[in-house]
Protein backbone atom coordinates (compact mmCIF):
# COMPACT_ATOMS: atom_id res chain seq x y z
CA UNK A 1 -49.46 -0.39 -23.27
CA UNK A 2 -45.71 -0.53 -22.78
CA UNK A 3 -44.45 -2.71 -20.00
CA UNK A 4 -42.04 -1.45 -17.39
CA UNK A 5 -38.40 -2.30 -18.18
CA UNK A 6 -36.88 -5.22 -16.31
CA UNK A 7 -34.37 -4.42 -13.61
CA UNK A 8 -31.65 -7.05 -13.21
CA UNK A 9 -31.07 -8.09 -9.62
CA UNK A 10 -27.93 -9.44 -7.96
CA UNK A 11 -28.86 -12.69 -6.23
CA UNK A 12 -26.87 -14.16 -3.34
CA UNK A 13 -24.58 -16.11 -5.68
CA UNK A 14 -23.77 -12.99 -7.71
CA UNK A 15 -23.14 -10.96 -4.56
CA UNK A 16 -20.83 -13.65 -3.20
CA UNK A 17 -18.68 -13.32 -6.33
CA UNK A 18 -18.07 -9.62 -5.75
CA UNK A 19 -14.94 -8.14 -4.22
CA UNK A 20 -15.44 -7.14 -0.56
CA UNK A 21 -15.24 -3.42 -1.29
CA UNK A 22 -17.99 -3.80 -3.91
CA UNK A 23 -20.05 -6.03 -1.63
CA UNK A 24 -20.03 -3.39 1.11
CA UNK A 25 -21.74 -1.04 -1.34
CA UNK A 26 -24.05 -3.48 -3.12
CA UNK A 27 -25.37 -5.74 -0.34
CA UNK A 28 -28.48 -4.89 1.66
CA UNK A 29 -30.15 -2.88 -1.12
CA UNK A 30 -33.92 -2.83 -1.69
CA UNK A 31 -35.43 -4.74 -4.60
CA UNK A 32 -35.16 -2.80 -7.85
CA UNK A 33 -38.27 -1.54 -9.54
CA UNK A 34 -39.65 1.60 -11.15
CA UNK A 35 -39.09 4.54 -8.79
CA UNK A 36 -37.91 2.24 -6.00
CA UNK A 37 -35.63 3.81 -3.39
CA UNK A 38 -31.90 3.23 -3.63
CA UNK A 39 -31.61 2.91 0.14
CA UNK A 40 -33.73 0.94 2.62
CA UNK A 41 -36.42 2.83 4.41
CA UNK A 42 -36.48 3.47 8.14
CA UNK A 43 -39.41 1.65 9.73
CA UNK A 44 -40.46 3.32 12.98
CA UNK A 45 -42.88 0.88 14.54
CA UNK A 46 -42.89 -0.99 17.83
CA UNK A 47 -45.28 -3.67 16.61
CA UNK A 48 -46.58 -5.20 13.39
CA UNK A 49 -49.99 -6.32 12.16
CA UNK A 50 -50.54 -10.06 12.09
CA UNK A 51 -52.46 -12.94 13.64
CA UNK A 52 -49.82 -15.63 13.22
CA UNK A 53 -47.68 -16.72 16.13
CA UNK A 54 -44.06 -15.77 16.46
CA UNK A 55 -41.97 -18.14 14.38
CA UNK A 56 -44.78 -18.69 11.88
CA UNK A 57 -43.63 -16.05 9.45
CA UNK A 58 -45.09 -13.09 11.27
CA UNK A 59 -42.84 -10.26 12.36
CA UNK A 60 -44.87 -9.78 15.50
CA UNK A 61 -43.10 -7.31 17.74
CA UNK A 62 -40.15 -5.01 17.15
CA UNK A 63 -38.03 -6.65 19.83
CA UNK A 64 -38.07 -9.82 17.70
CA UNK A 65 -37.46 -8.26 14.31
CA UNK A 66 -37.40 -4.96 12.46
CA UNK A 67 -37.16 -4.54 8.68
CA UNK A 68 -34.64 -1.71 9.10
CA UNK A 69 -32.15 -4.07 10.79
CA UNK A 70 -32.24 -6.63 8.05
CA UNK A 71 -30.30 -4.88 5.23
CA UNK A 72 -27.40 -4.19 7.60
CA UNK A 73 -27.53 -7.75 8.95
CA UNK A 74 -27.59 -9.13 5.42
CA UNK A 75 -24.64 -7.01 4.30
CA UNK A 76 -22.43 -7.80 7.31
CA UNK A 77 -23.24 -11.51 7.09
CA UNK A 78 -22.16 -11.56 3.46
CA UNK A 79 -19.01 -9.55 4.19
CA UNK A 80 -18.01 -12.10 6.83
CA UNK A 81 -18.66 -14.95 4.40
CA UNK A 82 -21.65 -16.42 6.21
CA UNK A 83 -24.64 -17.94 4.39
CA UNK A 84 -26.78 -16.44 7.17
CA UNK A 85 -27.51 -12.81 7.98
CA UNK A 86 -25.71 -11.30 10.95
CA UNK A 87 -27.58 -10.31 14.11
CA UNK A 88 -27.58 -6.64 15.04
CA UNK A 89 -27.34 -5.54 18.68
CA UNK A 90 -27.64 -2.23 20.48
CA UNK A 91 -23.89 -2.11 21.22
CA UNK A 92 -20.71 -4.07 20.82
CA UNK A 93 -21.10 -5.26 24.40
CA UNK A 94 -24.60 -6.47 23.55
CA UNK A 95 -23.05 -8.71 20.89
CA UNK A 96 -20.23 -9.75 23.26
CA UNK A 97 -22.71 -10.67 26.00
CA UNK A 98 -24.79 -12.73 23.57
CA UNK A 99 -21.73 -14.60 22.31
CA UNK A 100 -20.47 -15.21 25.85
CA UNK A 101 -23.88 -16.65 26.76
CA UNK A 102 -22.94 -19.62 24.56
CA UNK A 103 -20.50 -20.74 27.26
CA UNK A 104 -22.43 -23.28 29.38
CA UNK A 105 -23.04 -22.47 33.04
CA UNK A 106 -20.02 -23.72 34.96
CA UNK A 107 -18.03 -23.99 31.73
CA UNK A 108 -14.47 -22.88 31.00
CA UNK A 109 -13.70 -19.85 28.83
CA UNK A 110 -10.19 -19.26 27.52
CA UNK A 111 -9.59 -15.61 26.62
CA UNK A 112 -6.67 -13.30 25.81
CA UNK A 113 -5.02 -11.62 28.77
CA UNK A 114 -5.09 -8.47 26.67
CA UNK A 115 -8.61 -8.00 25.33
CA UNK A 116 -11.10 -5.20 25.18
CA UNK A 117 -11.62 -4.25 28.84
CA UNK A 118 -15.40 -4.61 28.56
CA UNK A 119 -15.06 -8.18 27.33
CA UNK A 120 -12.66 -9.09 30.11
CA UNK A 121 -14.80 -7.26 32.65
CA UNK A 122 -17.88 -9.28 31.70
CA UNK A 123 -15.96 -12.55 31.74
CA UNK A 124 -14.45 -11.73 35.14
CA UNK A 125 -17.88 -10.81 36.52
CA UNK A 126 -19.29 -14.12 35.32
CA UNK A 127 -16.35 -15.90 36.92
CA UNK A 128 -16.91 -14.13 40.25
CA UNK A 129 -20.54 -15.25 40.17
CA UNK A 130 -19.53 -18.84 39.51
CA UNK A 131 -21.12 -18.84 36.06
CA UNK A 132 -17.87 -19.85 34.36
CA UNK A 133 -14.16 -20.38 34.92
CA UNK A 134 -11.96 -17.87 33.12
CA UNK A 135 -8.48 -18.81 31.93
CA UNK A 136 -6.47 -15.84 30.65
CA UNK A 137 -3.66 -16.57 28.19
CA UNK A 138 -1.22 -14.70 25.98
CA UNK A 139 -3.07 -15.32 22.75
CA UNK A 140 0.06 -14.89 20.63
CA UNK A 141 1.67 -17.79 22.53
CA UNK A 142 0.06 -20.55 20.50
CA UNK A 143 1.47 -23.42 22.55
CA UNK A 144 0.17 -21.97 25.81
CA UNK A 145 -3.22 -21.10 24.34
CA UNK A 146 -3.64 -24.59 22.89
CA UNK A 147 -2.66 -26.17 26.22
CA UNK A 148 -5.38 -24.12 27.95
CA UNK A 149 -8.01 -25.67 25.68
CA UNK A 150 -7.83 -28.98 27.53
CA UNK A 151 -11.20 -29.20 29.30
CA UNK A 152 -12.36 -25.81 27.98
CA UNK A 153 -15.76 -25.07 26.47
CA UNK A 154 -15.02 -21.89 24.51
CA UNK A 155 -12.05 -19.92 23.19
CA UNK A 156 -12.30 -16.14 22.78
CA UNK A 157 -9.86 -14.58 20.33
CA UNK A 158 -8.90 -11.01 19.55
CA UNK A 159 -6.32 -10.55 16.82
CA UNK A 160 -4.76 -8.05 16.89
CA UNK A 161 -5.46 -7.60 20.59
CA UNK A 162 -6.71 -4.39 22.15
CA UNK A 163 -4.54 -2.43 22.96
CA UNK A 164 -1.31 -4.47 22.83
CA UNK A 165 -1.64 -5.40 19.13
CA UNK A 166 -0.60 -9.03 19.61
CA UNK A 167 -1.38 -11.28 16.64
CA UNK A 168 -2.80 -14.76 17.19
CA UNK A 169 -2.17 -17.75 14.94
CA UNK A 170 -5.88 -18.00 14.25
CA UNK A 171 -5.86 -21.03 11.91
CA UNK A 172 -3.75 -23.04 14.38
CA UNK A 173 -5.93 -22.08 17.34
CA UNK A 174 -9.14 -22.88 15.48
CA UNK A 175 -7.77 -26.24 14.36
CA UNK A 176 -6.78 -27.12 17.93
CA UNK A 177 -10.15 -26.00 19.25
CA UNK A 178 -11.94 -28.12 16.68
CA UNK A 179 -9.97 -31.16 17.76
CA UNK A 180 -10.81 -30.44 21.40
CA UNK A 181 -14.49 -29.73 20.72
CA UNK A 182 -14.14 -26.12 21.86
CA UNK A 183 -16.36 -23.32 20.53
CA UNK A 184 -14.36 -20.46 18.94
CA UNK A 185 -15.55 -16.83 19.15
CA UNK A 186 -13.51 -14.13 17.41
CA UNK A 187 -13.79 -10.39 17.99
CA UNK A 188 -13.02 -9.05 14.50
CA UNK A 189 -13.51 -5.36 15.30
CA UNK A 190 -9.91 -4.29 14.68
CA UNK A 191 -9.35 -6.20 11.44
CA UNK A 192 -12.87 -5.83 9.97
CA UNK A 193 -14.10 -8.33 7.36
CA UNK A 194 -11.77 -6.63 4.89
CA UNK A 195 -8.74 -7.75 6.89
CA UNK A 196 -9.73 -11.29 7.84
CA UNK A 197 -12.73 -13.61 7.78
CA UNK A 198 -12.52 -15.88 10.83
CA UNK A 199 -15.51 -18.01 9.76
CA UNK A 200 -13.47 -19.00 6.72
CA UNK A 201 -10.85 -20.72 8.90
CA UNK A 202 -13.47 -22.46 11.02
CA UNK A 203 -14.42 -20.02 13.80
CA UNK A 204 -17.97 -20.51 15.09
CA UNK A 205 -18.99 -16.94 15.90
CA UNK A 206 -17.62 -13.52 14.96
CA UNK A 207 -18.50 -10.36 16.88
CA UNK A 208 -17.95 -6.69 16.11
CA UNK A 209 -18.40 -3.46 17.88
CA UNK A 210 -20.09 -2.00 14.82
CA UNK A 211 -19.80 1.36 16.58
CA UNK A 212 -16.22 1.29 15.29
CA UNK A 213 -15.19 0.60 11.70
CA UNK A 214 -18.42 -0.83 10.29
CA UNK A 215 -20.47 2.29 11.07
CA UNK A 216 -17.35 4.43 11.09
CA UNK A 217 -18.53 7.92 12.07
CA UNK A 218 -18.62 7.92 15.88
CA UNK A 219 -22.34 8.64 15.88
CA UNK A 220 -24.02 5.33 16.76
CA UNK A 221 -23.67 2.46 19.23
CA UNK A 222 -24.12 -0.90 17.49
CA UNK A 223 -22.90 -4.47 17.78
CA UNK A 224 -22.98 -7.43 15.41
CA UNK A 225 -22.69 -11.19 15.82
CA UNK A 226 -22.23 -13.51 12.83
CA UNK A 227 -22.28 -17.29 12.57
CA UNK A 228 -22.70 -19.86 9.81
CA UNK A 229 -24.63 -22.17 12.13
CA UNK A 230 -28.43 -22.04 12.18
CA UNK A 231 -28.41 -23.51 15.68
CA UNK A 232 -25.98 -20.95 17.09
CA UNK A 233 -27.77 -18.12 15.34
CA UNK A 234 -31.02 -19.26 16.94
CA UNK A 235 -29.43 -19.17 20.38
CA UNK A 236 -27.95 -15.71 19.76
CA UNK A 237 -31.29 -14.46 18.49
CA UNK A 238 -33.04 -15.85 21.56
CA UNK A 239 -30.55 -14.08 23.82
CA UNK A 240 -31.10 -10.80 21.99
CA UNK A 241 -34.88 -11.15 22.20
CA UNK A 242 -35.00 -12.08 25.88
CA UNK A 243 -32.33 -9.67 27.08
CA UNK A 244 -33.56 -6.80 24.93
CA UNK A 245 -30.23 -5.58 23.52
CA UNK A 246 -31.87 -4.46 20.29
CA UNK A 247 -30.77 -1.67 17.97
CA UNK A 248 -32.97 1.28 17.14
CA UNK A 249 -34.01 1.51 13.48
CA UNK A 250 -32.37 4.91 13.01
CA UNK A 251 -29.08 3.58 14.38
CA UNK A 252 -29.34 0.55 12.08
CA UNK A 253 -29.92 2.78 9.08
CA UNK A 254 -26.94 4.98 9.98
CA UNK A 255 -24.79 1.89 10.46
CA UNK A 256 -25.60 0.65 6.97
CA UNK A 257 -24.90 4.08 5.51
CA UNK A 258 -21.51 4.05 7.20
CA UNK A 259 -20.77 0.54 5.94
CA UNK A 260 -20.95 1.76 2.35
CA UNK A 261 -17.64 3.60 2.71
CA UNK A 262 -15.87 0.97 4.83
CA UNK A 263 -13.34 0.03 2.16
CA UNK A 264 -12.39 3.62 1.39
CA UNK A 265 -12.05 4.55 5.05
CA UNK A 266 -9.98 1.49 5.92
CA UNK A 267 -7.75 1.86 2.86
CA UNK A 268 -6.94 5.48 3.73
CA UNK A 269 -6.57 5.08 7.49
CA UNK A 270 -4.52 1.90 7.17
CA UNK A 271 -2.04 3.49 4.77
CA UNK A 272 -1.67 6.48 7.08
CA UNK A 273 -1.27 4.24 10.14
CA UNK A 274 1.62 2.42 8.48
CA UNK A 275 3.41 5.66 7.68
CA UNK A 276 2.89 7.09 11.15
CA UNK A 277 4.10 3.86 12.75
CA UNK A 278 7.35 4.04 10.76
CA UNK A 279 7.94 7.66 11.78
CA UNK A 280 7.05 7.04 15.41
CA UNK A 281 9.42 4.06 15.57
CA UNK A 282 12.27 6.36 14.55
CA UNK A 283 11.45 9.10 17.08
CA UNK A 284 13.70 9.28 20.16
CA UNK A 285 10.81 10.09 22.52
CA UNK A 286 9.02 6.81 21.70
CA UNK A 287 10.12 3.76 23.69
CA UNK A 288 8.25 1.20 21.59
CA UNK A 289 5.75 0.97 18.74
CA UNK A 290 3.30 -1.91 18.33
CA UNK A 291 1.92 -2.15 14.81
CA UNK A 292 1.79 -5.44 12.87
CA UNK A 293 2.81 -3.70 9.67
CA UNK A 294 6.29 -2.92 11.00
CA UNK A 295 8.89 -5.59 10.10
CA UNK A 296 10.27 -5.16 13.65
CA UNK A 297 6.91 -6.03 15.25
CA UNK A 298 6.75 -9.48 16.91
CA UNK A 299 3.50 -10.23 15.10
CA UNK A 300 4.57 -9.02 11.66
CA UNK A 301 5.22 -12.33 9.92
CA UNK A 302 2.06 -13.88 11.30
CA UNK A 303 -0.02 -10.84 10.35
CA UNK A 304 1.47 -10.74 6.85
CA UNK A 305 0.51 -14.39 6.37
CA UNK A 306 -3.04 -14.14 7.78
CA UNK A 307 -4.33 -10.62 7.20
CA UNK A 308 -4.99 -8.70 4.02
CA UNK A 309 -4.13 -5.45 5.81
CA UNK A 310 -2.38 -4.39 9.01
CA UNK A 311 -5.17 -2.18 10.30
CA UNK A 312 -5.47 1.39 11.50
CA UNK A 313 -4.55 1.09 15.19
CA UNK A 314 -1.05 1.95 16.40
CA UNK A 315 0.00 1.57 20.05
CA UNK A 316 3.08 3.37 21.31
CA UNK A 317 4.84 3.31 24.65
CA UNK A 318 6.26 6.45 26.21
CA UNK A 319 8.35 6.75 29.38
CA UNK A 320 5.59 6.26 31.94
CA UNK A 321 2.13 7.62 32.67
CA UNK A 322 3.22 11.21 33.22
CA UNK A 323 4.95 11.43 29.84
CA UNK A 324 2.02 9.76 28.12
CA UNK A 325 -0.57 12.06 29.72
CA UNK A 326 1.48 15.12 28.81
CA UNK A 327 1.84 13.89 25.23
CA UNK A 328 -1.92 13.41 24.86
CA UNK A 329 -2.64 16.80 26.45
CA UNK A 330 -0.56 18.66 23.86
CA UNK A 331 -2.14 17.38 20.64
CA UNK A 332 -4.59 19.70 18.89
CA UNK A 333 -5.79 17.78 15.81
CA UNK A 334 -5.96 14.32 17.36
CA UNK A 335 -9.00 13.95 19.58
CA UNK A 336 -8.26 12.83 23.15
CA UNK A 337 -11.14 10.36 23.41
CA UNK A 338 -11.86 6.68 23.80
CA UNK A 339 -13.35 4.45 21.11
CA UNK A 340 -11.82 4.02 17.67
CA UNK A 341 -12.52 3.29 14.02
CA UNK A 342 -14.11 6.63 13.13
CA UNK A 343 -13.17 9.05 10.37
CA UNK A 344 -11.45 11.21 12.99
CA UNK A 345 -8.16 10.27 14.64
CA UNK A 346 -8.37 9.62 18.39
CA UNK A 347 -5.72 9.17 21.05
CA UNK A 348 -5.72 7.98 24.65
CA UNK A 349 -3.55 6.53 27.39
CA UNK A 350 -5.26 3.23 28.00
CA UNK A 351 -4.33 2.71 31.66
CA UNK A 352 -6.34 5.81 32.55
CA UNK A 353 -9.24 3.32 32.60
CA UNK A 354 -9.41 1.43 35.89
CA UNK A 355 -10.64 -1.69 34.08
CA UNK A 356 -7.60 -1.92 31.80
CA UNK A 357 -5.43 -4.98 32.59
CA UNK A 358 -2.43 -4.20 34.81
CA UNK A 359 -0.15 -5.86 32.26
CA UNK A 360 -0.80 -2.95 29.87
CA UNK A 361 2.10 -0.50 30.37
CA UNK A 362 1.28 2.76 32.14
CA UNK A 363 2.83 4.73 29.29
CA UNK A 364 0.96 2.97 26.47
CA UNK A 365 -0.95 5.32 24.17
CA UNK A 366 -3.39 3.91 21.64
CA UNK A 367 -3.80 5.79 18.38
CA UNK A 368 -6.85 5.21 16.19
CA UNK A 369 -5.87 6.65 12.83
CA UNK A 370 -8.61 8.36 10.84
CA UNK A 371 -8.77 9.69 7.29
CA UNK A 372 -7.12 13.10 7.75
CA UNK A 373 -4.01 14.13 5.82
CA UNK A 374 -0.99 12.14 6.99
CA UNK A 375 1.29 15.19 7.23
CA UNK A 376 -1.21 17.08 9.38
CA UNK A 377 -1.53 14.11 11.71
CA UNK A 378 2.23 13.64 11.92
CA UNK A 379 2.94 17.31 12.60
CA UNK A 380 0.53 17.25 15.52
CA UNK A 381 2.20 14.15 16.98
CA UNK A 382 5.71 15.47 16.31
CA UNK A 383 5.17 18.83 17.99
CA UNK A 384 3.68 17.13 21.04
CA UNK A 385 6.52 14.61 21.29
CA UNK A 386 9.19 17.25 20.88
CA UNK A 387 7.62 19.65 23.35
CA UNK A 388 8.41 17.07 25.99
CA UNK A 389 12.10 16.64 25.10
């Protein structure tokens, strides 16, 4: 009899040595063997056979664990540089809520004045209920943010911020938080693990709306939380289990499939975003452009020092809400829709949302650049801008 050929396998050490764009493709694969599938299978089961108690090696119940989550969790954990798998949630807000639960009752949370409106909304609701004290800061003002850490329990960071594109001095903030004994949570949705790895500079927890770049096709709602701490991961897992913000197996499988092309999508959309930002900055109808890749941007030097890419989000200011609404109404290729990070380019005036902070200008339009041809995208923007002149 002839034996089956051996199939070499990439262990964790070998995977850790790979470039991020390779890791996004290689991580979370099934074990190799004769006729084994290339992709993980979808396990559709609400419960699992076993007599052992939960925590004794048995999977138990699908609210605790599901084998379809695990390849995605493993891949994202490795991409963020954690020795532990990520935790998958049913939405970005599910991950945000779990991370915010780490703030002790009655504790103090320092957060950017300009953050995702859902994050701020949850923090403000908790503050109204007396569950925490919320201190809002301009996260790009390092001195002010560090001063706010005195007596705080947790620091929330977005960098760049949504939708103002402010860039935080993440290493300095993390160092100050460490000295003060303050937990650091970073929303890395905009930058992705390809742009920055907050755990590598000492952050405690990283969250993503995986609905955005990680999954990348505007077809699933998913969230992810990552930490290098067993203790924090246990608390996040407990929150997920008890609050029930679990992902469906089909959504998890689609998220992993989307992750495989993350590097290609980000490379293309980021290059296009930079070109569009330069052209928009030169257009007379545009009052201001916020994009860290522009040398004129206040966050450019900091972003160039900290990030490996400037991202695919461009925010522009037009002359008030009426001009911005008219601009959005005239585009044909860009999709007037919320959310971001998909293969398609989307556009919206952010203050149309009642929950958006009042410090966001009425005429601010956020552009999420997709993977379409740059000239097609520019022509659509140009004709809309010039129709209003």
